[in-house]
Amino acid sequence: GAAQLLSSAAPFYLGLRAEAIAPDSLDTRGNVPLCMFQYSRLFGSSRVPGEVEDKLVTTQTAVGHVVVLSHGRAWSLRIIDGLHDASAGVWDGWSNARASNDLEITGPHKRPSVASVGEIAAALAEIERRTAQMGSNMLPVSLLSTLPRHEWAAHRKALQQACDVNSVSLKVIESSLLVLSLCRDAPTDAASLCKATHEGGEHGGCLWYDKPLTLIIYANGMAGAHMEHAHFDAPVTSRAFAFIARAIEDGDADPAAGPSPPLAAGSSDALARLSHLTFDLSTLPSVRQAMGPARAAFAALSANNDLVPVRFDGVGGQALRAAKIPPDSLMQMALQLAQWRDQHKLVATYETATTRRFLHGRTETIRSCSIEVAAFVRAMDELGSTGSANARHKVAARIALAKAMKEHMDWLSACSSGKGVDRHLMGLRIAAAEAGEPQPLFFEDVGYKLSSHFELSTSNMSKPGIARPTADFSGFGAPSRNSYGVCYDIGNEYISMIISTDRSCATRDAARFGRVIQQALADISSLLLDAPTHEKARSRL
């Protein structure tokens, strides 16, 4: 439940503070360690809106509270004690204690301790009890975080200047470890769960969209996690979720103390951990009036958000690796074939590559659409038109596929090694702007503009060197009106994905594209895995 999630997330935060979490690796053996800087923004951070530009702010001092959103109301809940004097020695002691299972630390300071599952559950029950007494807040300030950034910045500034109560509440929310949302929605299946988690549920009122990490518990017990992408890349949250899932599965959601009986709502401990965060809007008519338009704008966004989860059980990473077929390259070829079949054209394609082999690295663009891909989809067209019995066309299609996958792997290797082109070009544009110089004419070139409008945006969330899969589906919104977004996870025996697009675009349909991708995966898998001659094609990789 919610209490277990919070009790399991806290040790990960403490481990990061103590630098006791092993570095991520690009491979499963830990031979290619990755920069861990992004993890410093996972907890205690917020994207603060600005009228011109936003700021990513992370609380540098240790934080022990989370914010709970329920029925439009916000609460501060302390889940870690003993942080006020957490010097470097204390963090070292906490790390050593975790490693040795020794709960005592010598010296004048006590190590930080995590509230028990029972204590957290009692506090959450108290929140629900008091919220039921007060009723739902129909003007939740969190709703304003759905507005365009400059509008939200103006309202936030007005809130701060109105009174100290507002300033304190904002500070507590923005500095919190994370947000736990107790959402009244009750998704009934994977599709409604994914859509509610991506959007936030309750018509935009149950998330504080500036916070990088929000855990959502729905009324029927289903759960999801929402992230704000500016602070870090998706594998960071994958690692955190894997840690939380293992702690719950292993029964280690209560690391600082053994099993404890649940406390009753209204107990002195539960009350001591809680603080109701309020906002005084009495002198802010413009802020109150902004709630209606914000809710209407959110509803329009939600109506156009076409988001569909898809699962393919025909093949998974285990069979592909056994056949020495690179799973990600195969998936990208399936996406290219599906794009060709769905839209009757190939388009500029974005796939995320990590550059965390370098200090403070983020991402680079793998341009998955290539000349070799064009040859491959044409070969598949010819194979389909001549019938499956034509052995010569099958061999030609396998060879074309092998060449296209090799080109993709070369791009992937170059991008993750700092040899990509897109971030370099972006740096040149930024350098020119900061120097007050005109934008180089290269960026006005028709070819460059066309190649930089990604009608197919993709991301691979299966990172075996970072974390095991812990979620049924991972996804993001389509980056533009006339594009598809595809986020996928290649499990051992399946491939799951979320397809996204904009319903206002008449030429695209997420459910249709999902079916086309499934067929493309089936066709390519059959072409490679069922063929006695696929060893020859594979040797060309």
Protein backbone atom coordinates (compact mmCIF):
# COMPACT_ATOMS: atom_id res chain seq x y z
CA GLY A 1 0.00 0.00 0.00
CA ALA A 2 0.88 3.68 0.17
CA ALA A 3 2.68 3.31 3.50
CA GLN A 4 4.93 0.57 2.11
CA LEU A 5 5.81 2.71 -0.90
CA LEU A 6 6.91 5.61 1.27
CA SER A 7 8.74 3.43 3.78
CA SER A 8 10.63 1.76 0.93
CA ALA A 9 11.45 4.99 -0.92
CA ALA A 10 13.07 6.66 2.11
CA PRO A 11 16.04 4.22 2.36
CA PHE A 12 16.86 4.85 -1.29
CA TYR A 13 17.06 8.57 -0.59
CA LEU A 14 19.22 7.97 2.47
CA GLY A 15 21.43 5.64 0.47
CA LEU A 16 21.93 8.31 -2.16
CA ARG A 17 22.82 10.87 0.52
CA ALA A 18 25.34 8.43 1.98
CA GLU A 19 26.68 7.58 -1.51
CA ALA A 20 25.95 3.96 -0.66
CA ILE A 21 24.03 3.18 -3.86
CA ALA A 22 26.18 1.35 -6.40
CA PRO A 23 26.62 3.26 -9.68
CA ASP A 24 24.46 2.40 -12.65
CA SER A 25 26.19 0.54 -15.45
CA LEU A 26 25.66 0.40 -19.18
CA ASP A 27 26.04 -3.38 -19.04
CA THR A 28 24.82 -6.08 -16.68
CA ARG A 29 28.31 -6.82 -15.34
CA GLY A 30 29.03 -3.30 -14.10
CA ASN A 31 31.95 -2.76 -16.45
CA VAL A 32 30.69 0.58 -17.82
CA PRO A 33 29.75 2.77 -14.83
CA LEU A 34 27.52 5.77 -15.44
CA CYS A 35 27.45 9.24 -13.89
CA MET A 36 25.09 9.38 -10.91
CA PHE A 37 24.61 13.16 -10.81
CA GLN A 38 21.00 12.99 -11.98
CA TYR A 39 20.06 11.11 -8.81
CA SER A 40 20.83 14.24 -6.80
CA ARG A 41 17.71 15.78 -8.35
CA LEU A 42 15.39 12.84 -7.73
CA PHE A 43 14.32 13.85 -4.21
CA GLY A 44 13.71 17.26 -2.67
CA SER A 45 13.51 18.98 -6.05
CA SER A 46 11.06 21.12 -7.98
CA ARG A 47 10.77 22.85 -11.33
CA VAL A 48 10.05 26.42 -10.27
CA PRO A 49 8.09 28.32 -12.95
CA GLY A 50 9.49 31.58 -14.32
CA GLU A 51 8.01 34.22 -16.58
CA VAL A 52 10.92 33.79 -19.01
CA GLU A 53 12.51 30.49 -18.00
CA ASP A 54 12.04 27.89 -15.28
CA LYS A 55 14.61 26.94 -12.67
CA LEU A 56 15.42 23.45 -11.44
CA VAL A 57 15.81 23.77 -7.68
CA THR A 58 17.00 21.04 -5.32
CA THR A 59 17.07 21.42 -1.56
CA GLN A 60 20.70 20.99 -0.49
CA THR A 61 19.98 20.19 3.15
CA ALA A 62 18.60 16.82 4.13
CA VAL A 63 14.82 16.49 3.82
CA GLY A 64 12.59 14.18 5.83
CA HIS A 65 9.06 14.99 4.67
CA VAL A 66 6.84 14.11 1.75
CA VAL A 67 3.71 15.92 0.59
CA VAL A 68 0.42 14.04 0.43
CA LEU A 69 -2.31 15.32 -1.89
CA SER A 70 -5.84 14.18 -1.10
CA HIS A 71 -9.18 15.63 -2.22
CA GLY A 72 -7.52 18.84 -3.35
CA ARG A 73 -5.73 19.34 -0.02
CA ALA A 74 -2.01 19.16 0.73
CA TRP A 75 -0.34 17.71 3.82
CA SER A 76 3.27 17.49 4.95
CA LEU A 77 4.15 14.06 6.35
CA ARG A 78 7.51 13.46 8.04
CA ILE A 79 8.78 9.96 7.24
CA ILE A 80 12.46 10.32 8.23
CA ASP A 81 13.66 11.42 11.66
CA GLY A 82 17.08 12.55 12.86
CA LEU A 83 18.10 14.56 9.81
CA HIS A 84 18.75 17.91 11.50
CA ASP A 85 22.34 16.97 12.39
CA ALA A 86 23.14 14.66 9.49
CA SER A 87 26.81 15.47 9.00
CA ALA A 88 29.06 13.50 6.66
CA GLY A 89 30.01 11.19 9.51
CA VAL A 90 26.38 10.44 10.25
CA TRP A 91 25.74 9.50 6.61
CA ASP A 92 28.80 7.22 6.66
CA GLY A 93 27.48 5.63 9.81
CA TRP A 94 24.04 5.15 8.27
CA SER A 95 25.65 3.47 5.24
CA ASN A 96 27.77 1.19 7.41
CA ALA A 97 24.79 0.33 9.59
CA ARG A 98 22.76 -0.67 6.56
CA ALA A 99 25.61 -2.83 5.28
CA SER A 100 26.17 -4.59 8.60
CA ASN A 101 22.55 -4.57 9.78
CA ASP A 102 23.85 -2.81 12.90
CA LEU A 103 21.35 -0.19 14.01
CA GLU A 104 23.67 1.58 16.47
CA ILE A 105 26.04 4.41 15.53
CA THR A 106 28.73 5.63 17.90
CA GLY A 107 29.29 9.30 18.49
CA PRO A 108 27.07 12.22 19.55
CA HIS A 109 24.58 11.86 16.71
CA LYS A 110 21.90 9.29 16.02
CA ARG A 111 21.58 8.02 12.49
CA PRO A 112 18.51 9.00 10.45
CA SER A 113 15.62 6.60 10.97
CA VAL A 114 12.66 5.82 8.75
CA ALA A 115 9.16 5.75 10.18
CA SER A 116 7.64 2.30 10.32
CA VAL A 117 4.96 1.17 7.92
CA GLY A 118 2.49 1.24 10.80
CA GLU A 119 3.39 4.81 11.73
CA ILE A 120 3.07 6.01 8.14
CA ALA A 121 -0.20 4.12 7.66
CA ALA A 122 -1.64 5.75 10.77
CA ALA A 123 -0.67 9.20 9.50
CA LEU A 124 -2.27 8.52 6.11
CA ALA A 125 -5.42 7.29 7.84
CA GLU A 126 -5.47 10.51 9.85
CA ILE A 127 -5.20 12.52 6.63
CA GLU A 128 -8.18 10.67 5.16
CA ARG A 129 -10.18 11.10 8.38
CA ARG A 130 -9.56 14.84 8.60
CA THR A 131 -10.08 15.35 4.88
CA ALA A 132 -13.46 13.63 5.12
CA GLN A 133 -14.41 16.04 7.91
CA MET A 134 -13.30 19.15 6.00
CA GLY A 135 -14.56 18.05 2.59
CA SER A 136 -12.87 18.36 -0.77
CA ASN A 137 -11.09 21.57 -1.69
CA MET A 138 -12.66 22.75 -4.93
CA LEU A 139 -9.89 25.31 -5.57
CA PRO A 140 -6.69 23.26 -5.34
CA VAL A 141 -3.59 25.38 -6.01
CA SER A 142 -1.98 22.30 -7.58
CA LEU A 143 -4.32 22.77 -10.53
CA LEU A 144 -2.50 25.99 -11.43
CA SER A 145 0.66 23.98 -12.16
CA THR A 146 -1.11 22.65 -15.28
CA LEU A 147 -1.17 26.15 -16.82
CA PRO A 148 1.36 27.50 -19.33
CA ARG A 149 4.55 28.19 -17.42
CA HIS A 150 4.45 31.99 -17.59
CA GLU A 151 0.87 32.03 -16.27
CA TRP A 152 1.70 29.66 -13.41
CA ALA A 153 4.78 31.80 -12.61
CA ALA A 154 2.62 34.91 -12.25
CA HIS A 155 0.11 33.15 -9.98
CA ARG A 156 2.88 31.59 -7.87
CA LYS A 157 4.46 35.02 -7.39
CA ALA A 158 1.10 36.45 -6.33
CA LEU A 159 0.65 33.61 -3.82
CA GLN A 160 4.08 34.24 -2.31
CA GLN A 161 3.53 37.95 -1.97
CA ALA A 162 0.03 37.66 -0.49
CA CYS A 163 0.98 36.20 2.89
CA ASP A 164 3.50 34.10 4.82
CA VAL A 165 1.14 31.13 4.98
CA ASN A 166 1.25 30.76 1.22
CA SER A 167 5.03 31.18 1.09
CA VAL A 168 5.57 28.52 3.73
CA SER A 169 3.22 26.06 2.02
CA LEU A 170 4.99 26.56 -1.32
CA LYS A 171 8.38 26.07 0.29
CA VAL A 172 7.30 22.88 2.05
CA ILE A 173 5.82 21.42 -1.14
CA GLU A 174 8.74 22.34 -3.39
CA SER A 175 11.34 21.03 -0.93
CA SER A 176 9.55 17.75 -0.19
CA LEU A 177 11.18 14.42 -1.00
CA LEU A 178 8.32 13.48 -3.30
CA VAL A 179 4.55 13.70 -3.62
CA LEU A 180 2.12 10.95 -2.73
CA SER A 181 -1.26 11.44 -4.39
CA LEU A 182 -4.29 9.65 -2.93
CA CYS A 183 -6.45 9.82 -6.02
CA ARG A 184 -10.20 9.21 -5.99
CA ASP A 185 -10.18 7.80 -9.54
CA ALA A 186 -10.44 4.02 -9.92
CA PRO A 187 -8.88 2.82 -13.20
CA THR A 188 -10.41 -0.44 -14.35
CA ASP A 189 -7.77 -1.69 -16.78
CA ALA A 190 -4.27 -1.02 -18.09
CA ALA A 191 -5.46 1.59 -20.57
CA SER A 192 -7.31 3.72 -18.02
CA LEU A 193 -4.49 3.28 -15.48
CA CYS A 194 -1.85 4.47 -17.95
CA LYS A 195 -3.91 7.45 -19.06
CA ALA A 196 -4.78 8.50 -15.50
CA THR A 197 -1.16 8.20 -14.36
CA HIS A 198 0.18 10.12 -17.34
CA GLU A 199 -2.32 12.95 -16.94
CA GLY A 200 -2.69 12.96 -13.18
CA GLY A 201 -6.33 12.03 -12.65
CA GLU A 202 -9.10 14.04 -10.97
CA HIS A 203 -9.12 16.50 -13.86
CA GLY A 204 -5.61 17.75 -13.08
CA GLY A 205 -6.10 18.31 -9.37
CA CYS A 206 -4.19 15.41 -7.88
CA LEU A 207 -0.64 16.23 -9.03
CA TRP A 208 1.76 19.07 -8.37
CA TYR A 209 3.26 19.01 -11.86
CA ASP A 210 6.49 20.78 -10.91
CA LYS A 211 7.58 17.89 -8.70
CA PRO A 212 9.85 15.37 -10.43
CA LEU A 213 8.47 12.30 -8.66
CA THR A 214 4.87 11.52 -7.68
CA LEU A 215 3.54 8.18 -6.47
CA ILE A 216 -0.19 7.77 -7.14
CA ILE A 217 -2.46 5.41 -5.21
CA TYR A 218 -5.92 5.06 -6.70
CA ALA A 219 -9.16 4.41 -4.84
CA ASN A 220 -9.20 0.73 -5.87
CA GLY A 221 -5.60 0.06 -4.79
CA MET A 222 -3.99 0.34 -8.21
CA ALA A 223 -0.81 2.42 -8.36
CA GLY A 224 1.27 4.43 -10.79
CA ALA A 225 4.21 6.83 -10.84
CA HIS A 226 4.44 10.19 -12.60
CA MET A 227 7.72 11.99 -13.35
CA GLU A 228 8.66 15.48 -14.52
CA HIS A 229 11.40 14.92 -17.10
CA ALA A 230 13.50 18.08 -16.82
CA HIS A 231 15.39 16.97 -13.72
CA PHE A 232 16.61 13.57 -14.91
CA ASP A 233 16.12 10.82 -17.46
CA ALA A 234 13.71 7.91 -17.17
CA PRO A 235 16.24 5.19 -16.14
CA VAL A 236 16.82 7.10 -12.90
CA THR A 237 13.25 6.49 -11.82
CA SER A 238 13.51 2.89 -13.05
CA ARG A 239 16.33 2.30 -10.57
CA ALA A 240 14.35 3.91 -7.75
CA PHE A 241 11.21 1.89 -8.54
CA ALA A 242 13.25 -1.32 -8.71
CA PHE A 243 14.64 -0.59 -5.24
CA ILE A 244 11.16 0.11 -3.86
CA ALA A 245 9.69 -3.01 -5.47
CA ARG A 246 12.45 -5.24 -4.10
CA ALA A 247 12.04 -3.79 -0.61
CA ILE A 248 8.31 -4.51 -0.65
CA GLU A 249 8.71 -7.98 -2.17
CA ASP A 250 11.44 -8.90 0.31
CA GLY A 251 9.44 -7.58 3.24
CA ASP A 252 12.10 -4.96 3.93
CA ALA A 253 9.83 -1.94 3.77
CA ASP A 254 10.57 -1.21 7.40
CA PRO A 255 14.39 -1.03 7.46
CA ALA A 256 15.01 0.82 10.71
CA ALA A 257 12.75 -1.21 12.91
CA GLY A 258 11.20 -4.62 12.97
CA PRO A 259 7.53 -5.31 12.40
CA SER A 260 5.37 -2.86 14.30
CA PRO A 261 1.64 -2.93 14.98
CA PRO A 262 -0.35 -0.34 13.01
CA LEU A 263 -1.21 2.78 14.96
CA ALA A 264 -4.68 4.17 15.13
CA ALA A 265 -5.58 7.32 13.26
CA GLY A 266 -5.48 10.21 15.69
CA SER A 267 -2.57 8.77 17.69
CA SER A 268 -0.09 11.27 19.06
CA ASP A 269 2.68 9.98 16.77
CA ALA A 270 0.51 10.29 13.66
CA LEU A 271 -0.51 13.81 14.59
CA ALA A 272 3.09 14.82 15.31
CA ARG A 273 4.16 13.76 11.83
CA LEU A 274 1.47 15.74 10.03
CA SER A 275 0.97 19.35 9.03
CA HIS A 276 -1.93 20.65 6.94
CA LEU A 277 -0.63 22.95 4.20
CA THR A 278 -3.08 25.73 3.41
CA PHE A 279 -3.30 28.63 0.99
CA ASP A 280 -5.07 31.90 1.64
CA LEU A 281 -6.73 33.01 -1.61
CA SER A 282 -9.06 35.58 -0.02
CA THR A 283 -7.13 38.55 -1.41
CA LEU A 284 -6.28 36.89 -4.72
CA PRO A 285 -9.35 37.03 -6.99
CA SER A 286 -7.19 36.55 -10.11
CA VAL A 287 -5.80 33.31 -8.71
CA ARG A 288 -9.27 32.00 -7.84
CA GLN A 289 -10.61 32.99 -11.24
CA ALA A 290 -7.76 31.13 -12.97
CA MET A 291 -8.97 27.79 -11.61
CA GLY A 292 -11.88 27.46 -14.04
CA PRO A 293 -9.88 28.13 -17.22
CA ALA A 294 -7.10 25.86 -15.93
CA ARG A 295 -9.56 23.01 -15.41
CA ALA A 296 -11.10 23.57 -18.87
CA ALA A 297 -7.70 23.70 -20.57
CA PHE A 298 -6.66 20.50 -18.82
CA ALA A 299 -9.85 18.78 -19.94
CA ALA A 300 -9.11 19.75 -23.54
CA LEU A 301 -5.57 18.37 -23.30
CA SER A 302 -6.89 15.16 -21.79
CA ALA A 303 -9.49 14.76 -24.52
CA ASN A 304 -6.79 14.98 -27.21
CA ASN A 305 -4.33 12.71 -25.41
CA ASP A 306 -4.52 9.39 -27.26
CA LEU A 307 -2.52 6.98 -25.07
CA VAL A 308 -2.68 3.21 -25.56
CA PRO A 309 -0.72 0.42 -23.81
CA VAL A 310 0.29 -2.52 -26.01
CA ARG A 311 1.90 -5.83 -25.10
CA PHE A 312 3.50 -8.25 -27.58
CA ASP A 313 4.04 -11.79 -26.30
CA GLY A 314 5.43 -13.27 -29.52
CA VAL A 315 9.08 -12.79 -28.58
CA GLY A 316 11.20 -11.19 -25.88
CA GLY A 317 14.75 -10.26 -25.09
CA GLN A 318 15.74 -13.72 -23.88
CA ALA A 319 15.06 -15.46 -27.21
CA LEU A 320 16.57 -12.59 -29.19
CA ARG A 321 19.79 -12.55 -27.16
CA ALA A 322 20.06 -16.34 -27.43
CA ALA A 323 19.90 -15.95 -31.21
CA LYS A 324 22.48 -13.11 -31.01
CA ILE A 325 19.94 -10.60 -32.31
CA PRO A 326 20.17 -7.15 -30.67
CA PRO A 327 16.73 -6.59 -29.06
CA ASP A 328 16.70 -2.79 -29.29
CA SER A 329 17.75 -2.77 -32.93
CA LEU A 330 15.05 -5.29 -33.78
CA MET A 331 12.46 -3.17 -31.99
CA GLN A 332 13.55 -0.07 -33.87
CA MET A 333 13.28 -1.91 -37.18
CA ALA A 334 9.77 -3.01 -36.22
CA LEU A 335 8.88 0.62 -35.50
CA GLN A 336 10.26 1.72 -38.86
CA LEU A 337 8.32 -0.99 -40.68
CA ALA A 338 5.17 -0.06 -38.76
CA GLN A 339 5.68 3.63 -39.58
CA TRP A 340 6.02 2.73 -43.27
CA ARG A 341 2.87 0.60 -43.22
CA ASP A 342 0.83 3.07 -41.14
CA GLN A 343 1.80 6.35 -42.82
CA HIS A 344 3.20 5.09 -46.14
CA LYS A 345 6.40 7.04 -45.57
CA LEU A 346 9.53 7.06 -43.44
CA VAL A 347 10.12 10.04 -41.16
CA ALA A 348 12.81 11.57 -38.98
CA THR A 349 12.96 9.33 -35.92
CA TYR A 350 14.25 10.08 -32.42
CA GLU A 351 15.53 7.40 -30.08
CA THR A 352 17.14 8.26 -26.76
CA ALA A 353 20.76 7.31 -26.14
CA THR A 354 22.34 7.94 -22.75
CA THR A 355 25.57 9.92 -22.47
CA ARG A 356 25.95 9.24 -18.76
CA ARG A 357 29.33 7.63 -19.40
CA PHE A 358 30.43 11.27 -19.12
CA LEU A 359 30.13 13.63 -16.14
CA HIS A 360 26.66 15.20 -15.97
CA GLY A 361 25.73 13.43 -19.22
CA ARG A 362 22.09 13.33 -20.28
CA THR A 363 21.04 12.12 -23.74
CA GLU A 364 21.90 12.10 -27.41
CA THR A 365 19.70 11.41 -30.45
CA ILE A 366 19.90 8.10 -32.24
CA ARG A 367 18.51 8.77 -35.71
CA SER A 368 17.00 5.36 -36.35
CA CYS A 369 15.68 6.11 -39.83
CA SER A 370 18.43 5.47 -42.37
CA ILE A 371 19.09 4.57 -46.02
CA GLU A 372 19.49 0.98 -44.85
CA VAL A 373 16.07 1.12 -43.20
CA ALA A 374 14.52 2.32 -46.46
CA ALA A 375 16.04 -0.67 -48.25
CA PHE A 376 14.72 -3.00 -45.55
CA VAL A 377 11.10 -1.78 -45.67
CA ARG A 378 11.15 -2.04 -49.47
CA ALA A 379 12.43 -5.60 -49.15
CA MET A 380 9.57 -6.39 -46.77
CA ASP A 381 7.12 -4.91 -49.27
CA GLU A 382 8.51 -7.16 -51.99
CA LEU A 383 8.36 -10.16 -49.67
CA GLY A 384 4.72 -9.46 -48.89
CA SER A 385 3.78 -9.04 -52.53
CA THR A 386 5.41 -12.28 -53.67
CA GLY A 387 4.14 -14.56 -50.92
CA SER A 388 5.89 -16.23 -48.02
CA ALA A 389 7.06 -19.18 -50.15
CA ASN A 390 9.55 -17.09 -52.13
CA ALA A 391 12.88 -18.09 -50.54
CA ARG A 392 14.93 -15.60 -52.56
CA HIS A 393 12.95 -12.63 -51.29
CA LYS A 394 13.15 -13.95 -47.73
CA VAL A 395 16.92 -14.06 -47.90
CA ALA A 396 17.01 -10.57 -49.40
CA ALA A 397 14.79 -9.26 -46.61
CA ARG A 398 16.99 -10.88 -43.93
CA ILE A 399 20.13 -9.40 -45.40
CA ALA A 400 18.52 -5.95 -45.65
CA LEU A 401 17.34 -6.25 -42.07
CA ALA A 402 20.83 -7.22 -40.87
CA LYS A 403 22.35 -4.20 -42.61
CA ALA A 404 19.73 -1.87 -41.15
CA MET A 405 20.26 -3.24 -37.64
CA LYS A 406 24.03 -2.86 -37.96
CA GLU A 407 23.61 0.78 -39.01
CA HIS A 408 21.38 1.32 -35.99
CA MET A 409 23.89 -0.27 -33.61
CA ASP A 410 26.67 1.87 -35.06
CA TRP A 411 24.55 4.97 -34.38
CA LEU A 412 23.80 3.79 -30.85
CA SER A 413 27.47 3.17 -30.09
CA ALA A 414 28.53 6.54 -31.51
CA CYS A 415 25.85 8.47 -29.62
CA SER A 416 26.55 6.88 -26.24
CA SER A 417 30.28 7.53 -26.80
CA GLY A 418 29.81 11.27 -27.28
CA LYS A 419 29.99 11.14 -31.08
CA GLY A 420 26.41 12.12 -31.87
CA VAL A 421 25.50 15.27 -33.77
CA ASP A 422 22.29 16.69 -32.30
CA ARG A 423 23.57 17.88 -28.93
CA HIS A 424 26.61 19.41 -30.64
CA LEU A 425 24.37 21.36 -32.98
CA MET A 426 22.12 22.38 -30.10
CA GLY A 427 25.21 23.68 -28.29
CA LEU A 428 26.15 25.79 -31.30
CA ARG A 429 22.68 27.34 -31.40
CA ILE A 430 22.78 28.13 -27.69
CA ALA A 431 26.31 29.57 -27.95
CA ALA A 432 25.23 31.88 -30.77
CA ALA A 433 22.16 33.03 -28.84
CA GLU A 434 24.11 33.70 -25.64
CA ALA A 435 26.73 35.64 -27.60
CA GLY A 436 24.03 37.78 -29.21
CA GLU A 437 24.97 36.55 -32.65
CA PRO A 438 22.49 35.70 -35.42
CA GLN A 439 21.54 32.07 -35.76
CA PRO A 440 23.78 30.34 -38.32
CA LEU A 441 22.08 29.91 -41.69
CA PHE A 442 22.59 26.16 -41.45
CA PHE A 443 19.68 25.99 -39.01
CA GLU A 444 17.37 27.63 -41.56
CA ASP A 445 18.07 24.96 -44.14
CA VAL A 446 14.94 23.10 -45.25
CA GLY A 447 16.66 19.75 -44.95
CA TYR A 448 17.79 20.45 -41.40
CA LYS A 449 14.33 21.59 -40.33
CA LEU A 450 12.70 18.53 -41.88
CA SER A 451 15.20 16.17 -40.27
CA SER A 452 14.70 17.81 -36.87
CA HIS A 453 10.93 17.48 -36.77
CA PHE A 454 10.61 14.02 -35.30
CA GLU A 455 7.30 12.48 -36.35
CA LEU A 456 8.32 9.30 -34.54
CA SER A 457 9.79 9.73 -31.05
CA THR A 458 10.91 6.60 -29.20
CA SER A 459 12.57 5.55 -25.97
CA ASN A 460 13.80 2.19 -24.69
CA MET A 461 13.02 1.74 -20.99
CA SER A 462 14.53 -1.75 -20.72
CA LYS A 463 17.89 -1.12 -19.06
CA PRO A 464 19.24 -4.46 -17.79
CA GLY A 465 22.40 -2.83 -16.43
CA ILE A 466 20.37 -0.33 -14.40
CA ALA A 467 17.21 -1.94 -13.12
CA ARG A 468 14.92 -4.87 -13.66
CA PRO A 469 11.46 -4.10 -15.06
CA THR A 470 9.07 -3.08 -12.28
CA ALA A 471 6.20 -1.48 -14.16
CA ASP A 472 3.66 -2.97 -16.51
CA PHE A 473 4.01 -0.02 -18.89
CA SER A 474 6.08 3.15 -19.23
CA GLY A 475 5.20 6.03 -21.52
CA PHE A 476 5.25 9.69 -22.45
CA GLY A 477 3.08 12.05 -24.44
CA ALA A 478 3.51 12.57 -28.17
CA PRO A 479 5.97 15.47 -28.71
CA SER A 480 3.89 17.19 -31.40
CA ARG A 481 0.43 17.09 -32.95
CA ASN A 482 1.42 15.06 -36.01
CA SER A 483 3.73 12.57 -34.32
CA TYR A 484 3.74 9.22 -32.57
CA GLY A 485 5.43 8.61 -29.24
CA VAL A 486 6.53 5.05 -28.43
CA CYS A 487 8.06 4.09 -25.09
CA TYR A 488 8.89 0.39 -24.79
CA ASP A 489 10.30 -2.18 -22.41
CA ILE A 490 11.82 -5.39 -23.76
CA GLY A 491 11.28 -8.05 -21.10
CA ASN A 492 12.63 -11.57 -21.24
CA GLU A 493 9.47 -13.00 -22.78
CA TYR A 494 7.50 -9.97 -23.95
CA ILE A 495 7.69 -6.43 -25.27
CA SER A 496 5.41 -3.85 -23.68
CA MET A 497 4.92 -0.30 -24.87
CA ILE A 498 2.77 2.79 -24.67
CA ILE A 499 1.77 4.45 -27.95
CA SER A 500 0.79 8.12 -27.82
CA THR A 501 -0.47 10.67 -30.28
CA ASP A 502 -2.86 13.60 -30.53
CA ARG A 503 -6.49 12.77 -31.30
CA SER A 504 -6.87 16.04 -33.19
CA CYS A 505 -4.52 14.67 -35.87
CA ALA A 506 -6.72 12.88 -38.39
CA THR A 507 -3.91 10.78 -39.87
CA ARG A 508 -2.76 9.13 -36.65
CA ASP A 509 -4.38 6.69 -34.28
CA ALA A 510 -2.55 5.16 -31.31
CA ALA A 511 -4.55 1.92 -31.16
CA ARG A 512 -4.16 1.36 -34.91
CA PHE A 513 -0.43 2.03 -34.76
CA GLY A 514 -0.13 -0.41 -31.86
CA ARG A 515 -1.70 -3.16 -33.96
CA VAL A 516 0.60 -2.36 -36.87
CA ILE A 517 3.64 -2.54 -34.56
CA GLN A 518 2.53 -5.92 -33.25
CA GLN A 519 2.24 -7.25 -36.78
CA ALA A 520 5.64 -5.81 -37.71
CA LEU A 521 7.21 -7.49 -34.68
CA ALA A 522 5.58 -10.78 -35.62
CA ASP A 523 6.76 -10.53 -39.22
CA ILE A 524 10.35 -9.65 -38.33
CA SER A 525 10.56 -12.25 -35.56
CA SER A 526 9.29 -14.90 -37.94
CA LEU A 527 11.71 -13.77 -40.61
CA LEU A 528 14.70 -14.15 -38.27
CA LEU A 529 13.85 -16.78 -35.69
CA ASP A 530 11.95 -19.28 -37.84
CA ALA A 531 14.38 -19.28 -40.75
CA PRO A 532 17.14 -21.88 -41.12
CA THR A 533 19.30 -19.35 -42.94
CA HIS A 534 19.06 -16.52 -40.39
CA GLU A 535 22.55 -17.38 -39.12
CA LYS A 536 24.00 -15.94 -42.34
CA ALA A 537 22.07 -12.73 -42.01
CA ARG A 538 23.01 -12.48 -38.37
CA SER A 539 26.71 -12.91 -39.12
CA ARG A 540 26.61 -9.62 -41.00
CA LEU A 541 25.92 -7.80 -37.74
